[in-house]
Protein backbone atom coordinates (compact mmCIF):
# COMPACT_ATOMS: atom_id res chain seq x y z
CA MET A 1 299.44 83.53 241.01
CA PRO A 2 299.70 79.82 241.93
CA LYS A 3 296.91 77.36 241.27
CA MET A 4 294.43 76.66 244.04
CA LYS A 5 294.92 73.26 245.61
CA THR A 6 291.97 70.89 245.95
CA CYS A 7 291.26 69.80 249.52
CA SER A 8 292.46 66.18 249.58
CA SER A 9 289.84 65.04 252.07
CA ALA A 10 287.04 66.59 249.98
CA LYS A 11 288.04 64.90 246.73
CA LYS A 12 287.82 61.52 248.50
CA ARG A 13 284.34 62.25 249.89
CA PHE A 14 282.51 63.97 247.02
CA LYS A 15 281.83 63.16 243.35
CA VAL A 16 280.62 65.63 240.73
CA THR A 17 277.85 64.42 238.40
CA PRO A 18 277.80 65.31 234.67
CA SER A 19 275.02 67.83 235.36
CA GLY A 20 277.17 69.62 237.95
CA LYS A 21 275.52 68.34 241.13
CA ILE A 22 277.70 66.96 243.90
CA LYS A 23 277.06 63.53 245.42
CA ARG A 24 278.02 62.38 248.90
CA ALA A 25 277.67 59.26 251.02
CA GLN A 26 275.23 59.24 253.91
CA ALA A 27 276.23 59.24 257.58
CA PHE A 28 275.33 56.72 260.31
CA LYS A 29 276.54 53.63 258.42
CA ASN A 30 279.88 53.01 260.19
CA HIS A 31 279.21 51.52 263.60
CA ILE A 32 276.44 50.62 266.06
CA LEU A 33 274.69 48.80 263.23
CA THR A 34 273.09 46.07 265.36
CA LYS A 35 270.22 48.27 266.52
CA LYS A 36 269.44 49.56 263.02
CA THR A 37 267.05 47.65 260.79
CA THR A 38 268.19 46.06 257.54
CA LYS A 39 265.97 48.43 255.58
CA GLN A 40 267.54 51.43 257.31
CA LYS A 41 271.10 50.21 256.65
CA ARG A 42 270.28 49.50 253.01
CA GLY A 43 268.86 52.99 252.59
CA LEU A 44 271.97 54.58 254.07
CA THR A 45 274.14 52.87 251.44
CA LYS A 46 272.80 55.06 248.63
CA MET A 47 274.50 58.29 247.57
CA VAL A 48 272.61 61.57 247.93
CA THR A 49 273.20 65.08 246.63
CA VAL A 50 274.72 67.82 248.74
CA SER A 51 272.14 70.32 250.01
CA ASP A 52 271.93 73.78 248.45
CA ALA A 53 273.05 75.38 251.71
CA ASP A 54 276.36 73.46 251.65
CA MET A 55 276.92 73.47 247.89
CA SER A 56 279.05 76.64 247.76
CA LYS A 57 281.30 75.45 250.60
CA VAL A 58 281.89 72.06 248.96
CA LYS A 59 282.62 73.67 245.59
CA ILE A 60 285.30 75.85 247.20
CA LEU A 61 286.88 72.76 248.79
CA LEU A 62 286.88 70.98 245.43
CA GLY A 63 288.22 74.07 243.67
CA ILE A 64 285.38 74.25 241.13
CA GLY A 65 283.64 77.47 242.07
CA LYS A 66 283.23 80.43 244.32
């Protein structure tokens, strides 16, 4: 049986932490930034963990779990 391929778009968007959690960038930081406050834009820069509901789907895309 051939190896499972990792989804190329997923490996560019997600990072796995040493503890096994998956980090992702936050949305709403690409355009229409003039109406957002500086504090809001700064907060959107930080990475956050993927929610438990989406964790299994992301792991399948990355080829690290079921």
